[in-house]
C-alpha atoms as a PDB file:
ATOM      1  CA  UNK A   1    -114.926 159.850  57.982  1.00  0.00           C
ATOM      2  CA  UNK A   2    -117.145 162.355  55.330  1.00  0.00           C
ATOM      3  CA  UNK A   3    -120.457 162.472  56.091  1.00  0.00           C
ATOM      4  CA  UNK A   4    -122.235 159.346  54.859  1.00  0.00           C
ATOM      5  CA  UNK A   5    -125.556 161.209  53.920  1.00  0.00           C
ATOM      6  CA  UNK A   6    -123.447 163.398  51.078  1.00  0.00           C
ATOM      7  CA  UNK A   7    -122.610 160.243  49.695  1.00  0.00           C
ATOM      8  CA  UNK A   8    -125.924 158.687  49.556  1.00  0.00           C
ATOM      9  CA  UNK A   9    -127.576 161.886  48.509  1.00  0.00           C
ATOM     10  CA  UNK A  10    -125.494 161.867  45.452  1.00  0.00           C
ATOM     11  CA  UNK A  11    -125.822 158.228  44.376  1.00  0.00           C
ATOM     12  CA  UNK A  12    -128.856 158.515  42.348  1.00  0.00           C
ATOM     13  CA  UNK A  13    -127.159 161.257  40.377  1.00  0.00           C
ATOM     14  CA  UNK A  14    -123.660 159.222  39.995  1.00  0.00           C
ATOM     15  CA  UNK A  15    -125.517 156.117  39.050  1.00  0.00           C
ATOM     16  CA  UNK A  16    -127.216 158.664  35.792  1.00  0.00           C
ATOM     17  CA  UNK A  17    -123.443 160.146  34.730  1.00  0.00           C
ATOM     18  CA  UNK A  18    -122.226 156.284  35.326  1.00  0.00           C
ATOM     19  CA  UNK A  19    -124.645 155.258  32.880  1.00  0.00           C
ATOM     20  CA  UNK A  20    -123.315 157.815  30.048  1.00  0.00           C
ATOM     21  CA  UNK A  21    -119.522 157.180  30.497  1.00  0.00           C
ATOM     22  CA  UNK A  22    -117.944 157.122  27.774  1.00  0.00           C
ATOM     23  CA  UNK A  23    -116.208 153.414  28.965  1.00  0.00           C
ATOM     24  CA  UNK A  24    -119.812 152.176  29.584  1.00  0.00           C
ATOM     25  CA  UNK A  25    -121.346 153.214  26.364  1.00  0.00           C
ATOM     26  CA  UNK A  26    -118.452 152.196  24.306  1.00  0.00           C
ATOM     27  CA  UNK A  27    -118.677 148.564  25.478  1.00  0.00           C
ATOM     28  CA  UNK A  28    -122.854 148.322  25.607  1.00  0.00           C
ATOM     29  CA  UNK A  29    -122.385 148.883  21.716  1.00  0.00           C
ATOM     30  CA  UNK A  30    -119.442 146.833  21.471  1.00  0.00           C
ATOM     31  CA  UNK A  31    -120.541 143.882  23.475  1.00  0.00           C
ATOM     32  CA  UNK A  32    -124.362 144.027  22.879  1.00  0.00           C
ATOM     33  CA  UNK A  33    -124.917 140.650  24.229  1.00  0.00           C
ATOM     34  CA  UNK A  34    -122.979 138.557  26.273  1.00  0.00           C
ATOM     35  CA  UNK A  35    -121.737 135.489  24.431  1.00  0.00           C
ATOM     36  CA  UNK A  36    -124.021 132.235  25.317  1.00  0.00           C
ATOM     37  CA  UNK A  37    -122.470 129.533  27.794  1.00  0.00           C
ATOM     38  CA  UNK A  38    -122.369 125.839  26.465  1.00  0.00           C
ATOM     39  CA  UNK A  39    -125.178 123.441  27.503  1.00  0.00           C
ATOM     40  CA  UNK A  40    -122.802 121.620  30.028  1.00  0.00           C
ATOM     41  CA  UNK A  41    -121.434 125.186  31.638  1.00  0.00           C
ATOM     42  CA  UNK A  42    -124.918 126.778  32.026  1.00  0.00           C
ATOM     43  CA  UNK A  43    -125.675 122.889  33.880  1.00  0.00           C
ATOM     44  CA  UNK A  44    -122.772 123.463  36.494  1.00  0.00           C
ATOM     45  CA  UNK A  45    -123.015 127.226  36.347  1.00  0.00           C
ATOM     46  CA  UNK A  46    -126.390 128.520  36.058  1.00  0.00           C
ATOM     47  CA  UNK A  47    -126.341 131.678  34.111  1.00  0.00           C
ATOM     48  CA  UNK A  48    -126.452 135.211  36.150  1.00  0.00           C
ATOM     49  CA  UNK A  49    -130.439 136.492  36.478  1.00  0.00           C
ATOM     50  CA  UNK A  50    -132.174 139.708  37.133  1.00  0.00           C
ATOM     51  CA  UNK A  51    -129.712 142.954  36.514  1.00  0.00           C
ATOM     52  CA  UNK A  52    -127.010 141.449  36.446  1.00  0.00           C
ATOM     53  CA  UNK A  53    -128.362 139.346  33.537  1.00  0.00           C
ATOM     54  CA  UNK A  54    -129.441 142.244  31.697  1.00  0.00           C
ATOM     55  CA  UNK A  55    -126.214 144.295  32.997  1.00  0.00           C
ATOM     56  CA  UNK A  56    -124.635 141.461  31.140  1.00  0.00           C
ATOM     57  CA  UNK A  57    -126.346 141.153  28.175  1.00  0.00           C
ATOM     58  CA  UNK A  58    -125.676 145.284  27.667  1.00  0.00           C
ATOM     59  CA  UNK A  59    -128.225 147.000  29.707  1.00  0.00           C
ATOM     60  CA  UNK A  60    -126.843 150.225  30.843  1.00  0.00           C
ATOM     61  CA  UNK A  61    -129.620 151.003  33.195  1.00  0.00           C
ATOM     62  CA  UNK A  62    -129.832 147.344  35.083  1.00  0.00           C
ATOM     63  CA  UNK A  63    -125.875 148.651  35.650  1.00  0.00           C
ATOM     64  CA  UNK A  64    -127.227 151.569  36.875  1.00  0.00           C
ATOM     65  CA  UNK A  65    -129.551 149.796  39.326  1.00  0.00           C
ATOM     66  CA  UNK A  66    -126.962 147.117  40.349  1.00  0.00           C
ATOM     67  CA  UNK A  67    -124.718 150.252  40.949  1.00  0.00           C
ATOM     68  CA  UNK A  68    -127.108 152.086  43.446  1.00  0.00           C
ATOM     69  CA  UNK A  69    -127.388 148.844  45.127  1.00  0.00           C
ATOM     70  CA  UNK A  70    -124.011 148.364  45.694  1.00  0.00           C
ATOM     71  CA  UNK A  71    -122.096 151.409  45.451  1.00  0.00           C
ATOM     72  CA  UNK A  72    -122.082 151.992  49.561  1.00  0.00           C
ATOM     73  CA  UNK A  73    -120.416 148.654  50.398  1.00  0.00           C
ATOM     74  CA  UNK A  74    -117.476 149.456  47.609  1.00  0.00           C
ATOM     75  CA  UNK A  75    -117.034 153.036  48.760  1.00  0.00           C
ATOM     76  CA  UNK A  76    -116.605 152.061  52.631  1.00  0.00           C
ATOM     77  CA  UNK A  77    -114.310 149.808  51.579  1.00  0.00           C
ATOM     78  CA  UNK A  78    -112.516 152.064  49.590  1.00  0.00           C
ATOM     79  CA  UNK A  79    -112.363 154.261  52.370  1.00  0.00           C
ATOM     80  CA  UNK A  80    -110.755 151.601  54.372  1.00  0.00           C
ATOM     81  CA  UNK A  81    -108.072 150.617  52.362  1.00  0.00           C
ATOM     82  CA  UNK A  82    -107.495 153.572  50.560  1.00  0.00           C
ATOM     83  CA  UNK A  83    -108.623 156.909  52.506  1.00  0.00           C
ATOM     84  CA  UNK A  84    -111.594 159.598  51.782  1.00  0.00           C
ATOM     85  CA  UNK A  85    -109.119 161.632  49.338  1.00  0.00           C
ATOM     86  CA  UNK A  86    -109.369 158.593  47.092  1.00  0.00           C
ATOM     87  CA  UNK A  87    -112.341 156.591  47.964  1.00  0.00           C
ATOM     88  CA  UNK A  88    -114.890 158.341  45.556  1.00  0.00           C
ATOM     89  CA  UNK A  89    -112.512 158.020  42.267  1.00  0.00           C
ATOM     90  CA  UNK A  90    -111.637 154.708  43.128  1.00  0.00           C
ATOM     91  CA  UNK A  91    -115.227 153.631  43.533  1.00  0.00           C
ATOM     92  CA  UNK A  92    -116.416 155.211  40.302  1.00  0.00           C
ATOM     93  CA  UNK A  93    -113.295 153.045  39.010  1.00  0.00           C
ATOM     94  CA  UNK A  94    -114.055 149.770  40.381  1.00  0.00           C
ATOM     95  CA  UNK A  95    -117.969 150.297  38.589  1.00  0.00           C
ATOM     96  CA  UNK A  96    -116.292 151.012  35.105  1.00  0.00           C
ATOM     97  CA  UNK A  97    -114.368 148.109  35.233  1.00  0.00           C
ATOM     98  CA  UNK A  98    -117.154 145.906  36.816  1.00  0.00           C
ATOM     99  CA  UNK A  99    -118.906 147.140  33.751  1.00  0.00           C
ATOM    100  CA  UNK A 100    -115.873 146.323  31.277  1.00  0.00           C
ATOM    101  CA  UNK A 101    -115.687 142.926  32.788  1.00  0.00           C
ATOM    102  CA  UNK A 102    -119.149 141.777  32.843  1.00  0.00           C
ATOM    103  CA  UNK A 103    -119.028 139.453  30.150  1.00  0.00           C
ATOM    104  CA  UNK A 104    -116.871 137.245  32.847  1.00  0.00           C
ATOM    105  CA  UNK A 105    -119.360 137.171  35.449  1.00  0.00           C
ATOM    106  CA  UNK A 106    -120.804 133.860  35.112  1.00  0.00           C
ATOM    107  CA  UNK A 107    -123.331 133.431  38.132  1.00  0.00           C
ATOM    108  CA  UNK A 108    -120.689 131.181  39.751  1.00  0.00           C
ATOM    109  CA  UNK A 109    -120.909 133.448  42.707  1.00  0.00           C
ATOM    110  CA  UNK A 110    -123.671 136.367  43.880  1.00  0.00           C
ATOM    111  CA  UNK A 111    -123.129 139.725  41.930  1.00  0.00           C
ATOM    112  CA  UNK A 112    -122.009 141.512  44.812  1.00  0.00           C
ATOM    113  CA  UNK A 113    -119.363 138.645  45.420  1.00  0.00           C
ATOM    114  CA  UNK A 114    -118.139 138.758  42.216  1.00  0.00           C
ATOM    115  CA  UNK A 115    -117.916 142.961  42.356  1.00  0.00           C
ATOM    116  CA  UNK A 116    -116.690 142.779  46.053  1.00  0.00           C
ATOM    117  CA  UNK A 117    -113.236 140.724  45.396  1.00  0.00           C
ATOM    118  CA  UNK A 118    -113.107 142.814  42.070  1.00  0.00           C
ATOM    119  CA  UNK A 119    -112.764 145.915  44.391  1.00  0.00           C
ATOM    120  CA  UNK A 120    -110.482 144.650  46.417  1.00  0.00           C
ATOM    121  CA  UNK A 121    -108.157 143.815  43.681  1.00  0.00           C
ATOM    122  CA  UNK A 122    -108.443 146.965  42.240  1.00  0.00           C
ATOM    123  CA  UNK A 123    -107.649 148.697  45.034  1.00  0.00           C
ATOM    124  CA  UNK A 124    -104.982 146.593  46.365  1.00  0.00           C
ATOM    125  CA  UNK A 125    -102.693 147.605  42.541  1.00  0.00           C
ATOM    126  CA  UNK A 126    -103.652 150.811  42.815  1.00  0.00           C
ATOM    127  CA  UNK A 127    -102.459 150.957  46.527  1.00  0.00           C
ATOM    128  CA  UNK A 128     -99.340 149.173  45.351  1.00  0.00           C
ATOM    129  CA  UNK A 129     -99.105 151.864  42.605  1.00  0.00           C
ATOM    130  CA  UNK A 130     -99.041 154.393  44.998  1.00  0.00           C
ATOM    131  CA  UNK A 131     -96.723 153.030  47.712  1.00  0.00           C
ATOM    132  CA  UNK A 132     -94.168 152.783  44.909  1.00  0.00           C
ATOM    133  CA  UNK A 133     -94.871 156.294  43.409  1.00  0.00           C
ATOM    134  CA  UNK A 134     -94.695 157.723  47.405  1.00  0.00           C
ATOM    135  CA  UNK A 135     -91.857 155.592  48.341  1.00  0.00           C
ATOM    136  CA  UNK A 136     -92.507 154.652  51.609  1.00  0.00           C
ATOM    137  CA  UNK A 137     -95.276 152.111  53.920  1.00  0.00           C
ATOM    138  CA  UNK A 138     -95.837 154.645  56.646  1.00  0.00           C
ATOM    139  CA  UNK A 139     -95.675 153.302  60.443  1.00  0.00           C
ATOM    140  CA  UNK A 140     -97.190 152.761  63.410  1.00  0.00           C
ATOM    141  CA  UNK A 141     -95.641 156.376  64.465  1.00  0.00           C
ATOM    142  CA  UNK A 142     -98.354 157.534  61.667  1.00  0.00           C
ATOM    143  CA  UNK A 143    -101.059 156.980  64.470  1.00  0.00           C
ATOM    144  CA  UNK A 144     -99.482 159.202  67.071  1.00  0.00           C
ATOM    145  CA  UNK A 145     -99.922 162.653  64.825  1.00  0.00           C
ATOM    146  CA  UNK A 146    -103.936 161.967  64.931  1.00  0.00           C
ATOM    147  CA  UNK A 147    -105.458 164.234  67.830  1.00  0.00           C
ATOM    148  CA  UNK A 148    -107.917 161.760  70.258  1.00  0.00           C
ATOM    149  CA  UNK A 149    -111.431 161.933  70.103  1.00  0.00           C
ATOM    150  CA  UNK A 150    -112.560 164.053  72.986  1.00  0.00           C
ATOM    151  CA  UNK A 151    -116.469 162.949  72.561  1.00  0.00           C
ATOM    152  CA  UNK A 152    -115.378 159.324  73.910  1.00  0.00           C
ATOM    153  CA  UNK A 153    -112.737 159.240  76.430  1.00  0.00           C
ATOM    154  CA  UNK A 154    -112.537 155.211  76.344  1.00  0.00           C
ATOM    155  CA  UNK A 155    -110.998 155.850  72.754  1.00  0.00           C
ATOM    156  CA  UNK A 156    -108.090 157.386  71.903  1.00  0.00           C
ATOM    157  CA  UNK A 157    -109.100 158.338  68.780  1.00  0.00           C
ATOM    158  CA  UNK A 158    -111.747 157.154  66.236  1.00  0.00           C
ATOM    159  CA  UNK A 159    -112.131 153.301  65.157  1.00  0.00           C
ATOM    160  CA  UNK A 160    -112.271 154.272  60.982  1.00  0.00           C
ATOM    161  CA  UNK A 161    -109.384 156.723  61.315  1.00  0.00           C
ATOM    162  CA  UNK A 162    -107.019 154.312  63.249  1.00  0.00           C
ATOM    163  CA  UNK A 163    -107.631 151.955  60.336  1.00  0.00           C
ATOM    164  CA  UNK A 164    -106.716 154.617  57.847  1.00  0.00           C
ATOM    165  CA  UNK A 165    -103.409 155.723  59.799  1.00  0.00           C
ATOM    166  CA  UNK A 166    -102.042 152.004  60.145  1.00  0.00           C
ATOM    167  CA  UNK A 167     -98.982 150.728  58.032  1.00  0.00           C
ATOM    168  CA  UNK A 168    -100.128 149.652  54.295  1.00  0.00           C
ATOM    169  CA  UNK A 169     -99.615 145.979  54.896  1.00  0.00           C
ATOM    170  CA  UNK A 170    -101.046 145.624  58.457  1.00  0.00           C
ATOM    171  CA  UNK A 171    -103.988 147.704  56.754  1.00  0.00           C
ATOM    172  CA  UNK A 172    -105.064 145.680  53.872  1.00  0.00           C
ATOM    173  CA  UNK A 173    -104.494 142.679  56.077  1.00  0.00           C
ATOM    174  CA  UNK A 174    -106.728 144.020  58.851  1.00  0.00           C
ATOM    175  CA  UNK A 175    -109.223 144.966  56.598  1.00  0.00           C
ATOM    176  CA  UNK A 176    -109.338 142.051  54.514  1.00  0.00           C
ATOM    177  CA  UNK A 177    -109.060 139.712  57.666  1.00  0.00           C
ATOM    178  CA  UNK A 178    -111.196 141.327  60.467  1.00  0.00           C
ATOM    179  CA  UNK A 179    -113.419 143.660  58.698  1.00  0.00           C
ATOM    180  CA  UNK A 180    -114.107 141.775  54.885  1.00  0.00           C
ATOM    181  CA  UNK A 181    -113.894 137.985  56.005  1.00  0.00           C
ATOM    182  CA  UNK A 182    -111.302 136.388  54.043  1.00  0.00           C
ATOM    183  CA  UNK A 183    -109.275 133.933  55.166  1.00  0.00           C
ATOM    184  CA  UNK A 184    -105.251 133.787  55.469  1.00  0.00           C
ATOM    185  CA  UNK A 185    -104.791 131.999  52.871  1.00  0.00           C
ATOM    186  CA  UNK A 186    -107.112 133.990  50.233  1.00  0.00           C
ATOM    187  CA  UNK A 187    -105.244 137.252  51.891  1.00  0.00           C
ATOM    188  CA  UNK A 188    -101.458 135.591  51.174  1.00  0.00           C
ATOM    189  CA  UNK A 189    -102.711 134.706  47.342  1.00  0.00           C
ATOM    190  CA  UNK A 190    -104.360 138.062  47.073  1.00  0.00           C
ATOM    191  CA  UNK A 191    -101.103 140.434  48.307  1.00  0.00           C
ATOM    192  CA  UNK A 192     -98.423 137.759  46.902  1.00  0.00           C
ATOM    193  CA  UNK A 193     -97.152 136.807  50.448  1.00  0.00           C
ATOM    194  CA  UNK A 194     -96.864 134.096  52.632  1.00  0.00           C
ATOM    195  CA  UNK A 195     -99.622 132.498  55.288  1.00  0.00           C
ATOM    196  CA  UNK A 196     -96.899 133.060  57.911  1.00  0.00           C
ATOM    197  CA  UNK A 197     -96.940 137.132  56.945  1.00  0.00           C
ATOM    198  CA  UNK A 198    -100.134 137.501  56.603  1.00  0.00           C
ATOM    199  CA  UNK A 199    -100.822 136.301  60.204  1.00  0.00           C
ATOM    200  CA  UNK A 200     -98.020 138.711  61.213  1.00  0.00           C
ATOM    201  CA  UNK A 201     -99.320 141.493  59.802  1.00  0.00           C
ATOM    202  CA  UNK A 202    -102.958 141.098  61.198  1.00  0.00           C
ATOM    203  CA  UNK A 203    -100.953 140.905  64.838  1.00  0.00           C
ATOM    204  CA  UNK A 204     -99.508 143.998  64.352  1.00  0.00           C
ATOM    205  CA  UNK A 205    -102.229 145.997  63.189  1.00  0.00           C
ATOM    206  CA  UNK A 206    -104.423 144.540  66.584  1.00  0.00           C
ATOM    207  CA  UNK A 207    -101.780 145.174  68.840  1.00  0.00           C
ATOM    208  CA  UNK A 208    -101.483 149.076  66.872  1.00  0.00           C
ATOM    209  CA  UNK A 209    -105.056 149.674  67.239  1.00  0.00           C
ATOM    210  CA  UNK A 210    -105.094 148.545  70.466  1.00  0.00           C
ATOM    211  CA  UNK A 211    -102.212 150.718  71.901  1.00  0.00           C
ATOM    212  CA  UNK A 212    -104.265 153.713  70.443  1.00  0.00           C
ATOM    213  CA  UNK A 213    -107.740 152.418  70.807  1.00  0.00           C
ATOM    214  CA  UNK A 214    -107.639 151.824  74.470  1.00  0.00           C
END
C-alpha cells in the first residue's frame, strides 16, 4: 500500500484540479441551482445544509471542501476493493460522478453516507467490467505468491495486501460486510446475488485470510 502521506500531501492540489475539471465546470454552468423541493418533501426530508447545499446549488469551491473532507475514506475503499494501481483514478471518477449527481442528493442521509454508497456502486461496476475484460476471478492460490511480512512473524503477510488478493467475490463481500458494515441483504442487492451467496463468500474470505494471516 502506498504511503498515505503522499496521497494526503496532494489532496489540496487535486481538489483544486477537480474544481477546474471540465465535467465539473460544465455541470456547474448547466445546473446553476438545484431544483427546489415541494413543501411536503421539504417537511419529510429537510434539504441539505452547509457545503453539501452549496455544492448542490453549483458552488464548485464548496465541493472542493467536501472533496478534501471525504477523499481519504473513498481512496481507502478503492484501494481495498480495486487495488492500488487503479485507486487514484477511481477516486477521481467517484468525485466527478458525485458532482454530476449532486442534484439527486436530498439530505435523507448524511453526505458522507450518500457519497460512500455512490463510491461502492461505481467501484463494483468497474470491477465487474474489469473481470469481464480479463475473463478471470482470481483465486485463493493468488495469495500464495505474495511474500510473507518478515517484520511481523505472527502474520504471514500484510492484512491490506491480503484483502486485495482475495478472489473477487469473496473480497467484495468481506470488505462490504466486515470493513464497511453493510448487512448481507444490502450486499446481496448490490452484487445481485442471494443472501446465502453473500454469507458463503464471507465465510470463504475469512477462511482464506485466517489461513494466510495466522
